[in-house]
């Protein structure tokens, strides 16, 4: 997978492909060369996802900005997940 193809992938598509790669690698049915190729693709996908998460975190921090440019971060609690202490 080249860099242009990777940039076109959404976070969800990248995670789905990463899960496929993990399944292939865990089966152990591929050659060493095939495993290395998949591992390399997996590393690129993981970095792509990390970059997207970092970007999203930055946007959230900007949205939560408070007085005089200071940023207030707050933990994210998905719907249905209890906050600690409640």
C-alpha atoms as a PDB file:
ATOM      1  CA  UNK A   1       0.000   0.000   0.000  1.00  0.00           C
ATOM      2  CA  UNK A   2       1.492   3.292  -1.041  1.00  0.00           C
ATOM      3  CA  UNK A   3       1.276   6.552   0.875  1.00  0.00           C
ATOM      4  CA  UNK A   4      -1.474   8.027  -1.333  1.00  0.00           C
ATOM      5  CA  UNK A   5      -3.694   4.969  -0.814  1.00  0.00           C
ATOM      6  CA  UNK A   6      -3.072   5.112   2.905  1.00  0.00           C
ATOM      7  CA  UNK A   7      -4.045   8.787   3.183  1.00  0.00           C
ATOM      8  CA  UNK A   8      -7.349   8.044   1.436  1.00  0.00           C
ATOM      9  CA  UNK A   9      -8.333   5.467   4.062  1.00  0.00           C
ATOM     10  CA  UNK A  10     -10.674   6.544   6.807  1.00  0.00           C
ATOM     11  CA  UNK A  11      -9.838   5.625  10.377  1.00  0.00           C
ATOM     12  CA  UNK A  12     -12.479   2.895  10.307  1.00  0.00           C
ATOM     13  CA  UNK A  13     -11.183   1.421   7.029  1.00  0.00           C
ATOM     14  CA  UNK A  14      -7.622   1.414   8.354  1.00  0.00           C
ATOM     15  CA  UNK A  15      -8.671  -0.328  11.586  1.00  0.00           C
ATOM     16  CA  UNK A  16     -10.661  -2.944   9.637  1.00  0.00           C
ATOM     17  CA  UNK A  17      -7.661  -3.681   7.394  1.00  0.00           C
ATOM     18  CA  UNK A  18      -5.382  -3.815  10.429  1.00  0.00           C
ATOM     19  CA  UNK A  19      -7.692  -6.393  12.014  1.00  0.00           C
ATOM     20  CA  UNK A  20      -7.523  -8.485   8.819  1.00  0.00           C
ATOM     21  CA  UNK A  21      -3.744  -8.351   8.855  1.00  0.00           C
ATOM     22  CA  UNK A  22      -3.648  -9.461  12.484  1.00  0.00           C
ATOM     23  CA  UNK A  23      -5.875 -12.443  11.653  1.00  0.00           C
ATOM     24  CA  UNK A  24      -3.605 -13.463   8.760  1.00  0.00           C
ATOM     25  CA  UNK A  25      -0.486 -13.156  10.897  1.00  0.00           C
ATOM     26  CA  UNK A  26      -2.012 -15.080  13.810  1.00  0.00           C
ATOM     27  CA  UNK A  27      -2.946 -18.017  11.548  1.00  0.00           C
ATOM     28  CA  UNK A  28       0.705 -18.520  10.685  1.00  0.00           C
ATOM     29  CA  UNK A  29      -0.070 -19.953   7.253  1.00  0.00           C
ATOM     30  CA  UNK A  30       1.896 -17.435   5.184  1.00  0.00           C
ATOM     31  CA  UNK A  31       5.513 -17.425   4.092  1.00  0.00           C
ATOM     32  CA  UNK A  32       8.072 -15.294   5.868  1.00  0.00           C
ATOM     33  CA  UNK A  33       8.091 -12.865   2.940  1.00  0.00           C
ATOM     34  CA  UNK A  34       4.281 -12.533   3.013  1.00  0.00           C
ATOM     35  CA  UNK A  35       4.326 -12.069   6.787  1.00  0.00           C
ATOM     36  CA  UNK A  36       6.919  -9.314   6.529  1.00  0.00           C
ATOM     37  CA  UNK A  37       4.915  -7.529   3.830  1.00  0.00           C
ATOM     38  CA  UNK A  38       1.753  -7.675   5.953  1.00  0.00           C
ATOM     39  CA  UNK A  39       3.652  -6.583   9.049  1.00  0.00           C
ATOM     40  CA  UNK A  40       5.013  -3.577   7.170  1.00  0.00           C
ATOM     41  CA  UNK A  41       1.518  -2.674   5.969  1.00  0.00           C
ATOM     42  CA  UNK A  42       0.206  -3.082   9.518  1.00  0.00           C
ATOM     43  CA  UNK A  43       2.829  -0.735  10.927  1.00  0.00           C
ATOM     44  CA  UNK A  44       1.933   1.889   8.303  1.00  0.00           C
ATOM     45  CA  UNK A  45      -1.772   1.497   9.108  1.00  0.00           C
ATOM     46  CA  UNK A  46      -1.134   1.780  12.850  1.00  0.00           C
ATOM     47  CA  UNK A  47       0.845   4.989  12.309  1.00  0.00           C
ATOM     48  CA  UNK A  48      -1.907   6.338  10.072  1.00  0.00           C
ATOM     49  CA  UNK A  49      -4.509   5.632  12.783  1.00  0.00           C
ATOM     50  CA  UNK A  50      -2.301   7.186  15.460  1.00  0.00           C
ATOM     51  CA  UNK A  51      -1.918  10.339  13.363  1.00  0.00           C
ATOM     52  CA  UNK A  52      -5.676  10.559  12.886  1.00  0.00           C
ATOM     53  CA  UNK A  53      -6.243  10.122  16.625  1.00  0.00           C
ATOM     54  CA  UNK A  54      -3.659  12.795  17.423  1.00  0.00           C
ATOM     55  CA  UNK A  55      -5.356  15.147  14.973  1.00  0.00           C
ATOM     56  CA  UNK A  56      -8.772  14.465  16.514  1.00  0.00           C
ATOM     57  CA  UNK A  57      -7.363  15.037  20.002  1.00  0.00           C
ATOM     58  CA  UNK A  58      -5.935  18.361  18.887  1.00  0.00           C
ATOM     59  CA  UNK A  59      -9.314  19.427  17.518  1.00  0.00           C
ATOM     60  CA  UNK A  60     -11.049  18.458  20.765  1.00  0.00           C
ATOM     61  CA  UNK A  61      -8.504  20.395  22.794  1.00  0.00           C
ATOM     62  CA  UNK A  62      -9.058  23.453  20.608  1.00  0.00           C
ATOM     63  CA  UNK A  63     -12.810  23.133  21.079  1.00  0.00           C
ATOM     64  CA  UNK A  64     -12.333  22.909  24.850  1.00  0.00           C
ATOM     65  CA  UNK A  65      -9.996  25.915  24.913  1.00  0.00           C
ATOM     66  CA  UNK A  66     -10.540  28.236  27.898  1.00  0.00           C
ATOM     67  CA  UNK A  67      -9.318  31.636  29.072  1.00  0.00           C
ATOM     68  CA  UNK A  68      -6.189  33.174  27.554  1.00  0.00           C
ATOM     69  CA  UNK A  69      -5.347  30.282  25.251  1.00  0.00           C
ATOM     70  CA  UNK A  70      -5.093  27.672  27.980  1.00  0.00           C
ATOM     71  CA  UNK A  71      -6.511  24.307  27.099  1.00  0.00           C
ATOM     72  CA  UNK A  72      -8.678  22.285  29.388  1.00  0.00           C
ATOM     73  CA  UNK A  73      -8.788  18.602  28.555  1.00  0.00           C
ATOM     74  CA  UNK A  74     -11.512  16.326  29.798  1.00  0.00           C
ATOM     75  CA  UNK A  75     -11.773  12.544  29.620  1.00  0.00           C
ATOM     76  CA  UNK A  76     -14.110  11.212  26.979  1.00  0.00           C
ATOM     77  CA  UNK A  77     -16.872   8.870  28.146  1.00  0.00           C
ATOM     78  CA  UNK A  78     -18.821   7.185  25.325  1.00  0.00           C
ATOM     79  CA  UNK A  79     -22.576   6.950  25.776  1.00  0.00           C
ATOM     80  CA  UNK A  80     -23.561   4.075  28.010  1.00  0.00           C
ATOM     81  CA  UNK A  81     -20.164   3.944  29.712  1.00  0.00           C
ATOM     82  CA  UNK A  82     -20.249   5.001  33.332  1.00  0.00           C
ATOM     83  CA  UNK A  83     -17.912   7.706  34.540  1.00  0.00           C
ATOM     84  CA  UNK A  84     -15.718   6.643  37.429  1.00  0.00           C
ATOM     85  CA  UNK A  85     -17.117   7.671  40.770  1.00  0.00           C
ATOM     86  CA  UNK A  86     -20.714   7.692  39.609  1.00  0.00           C
END
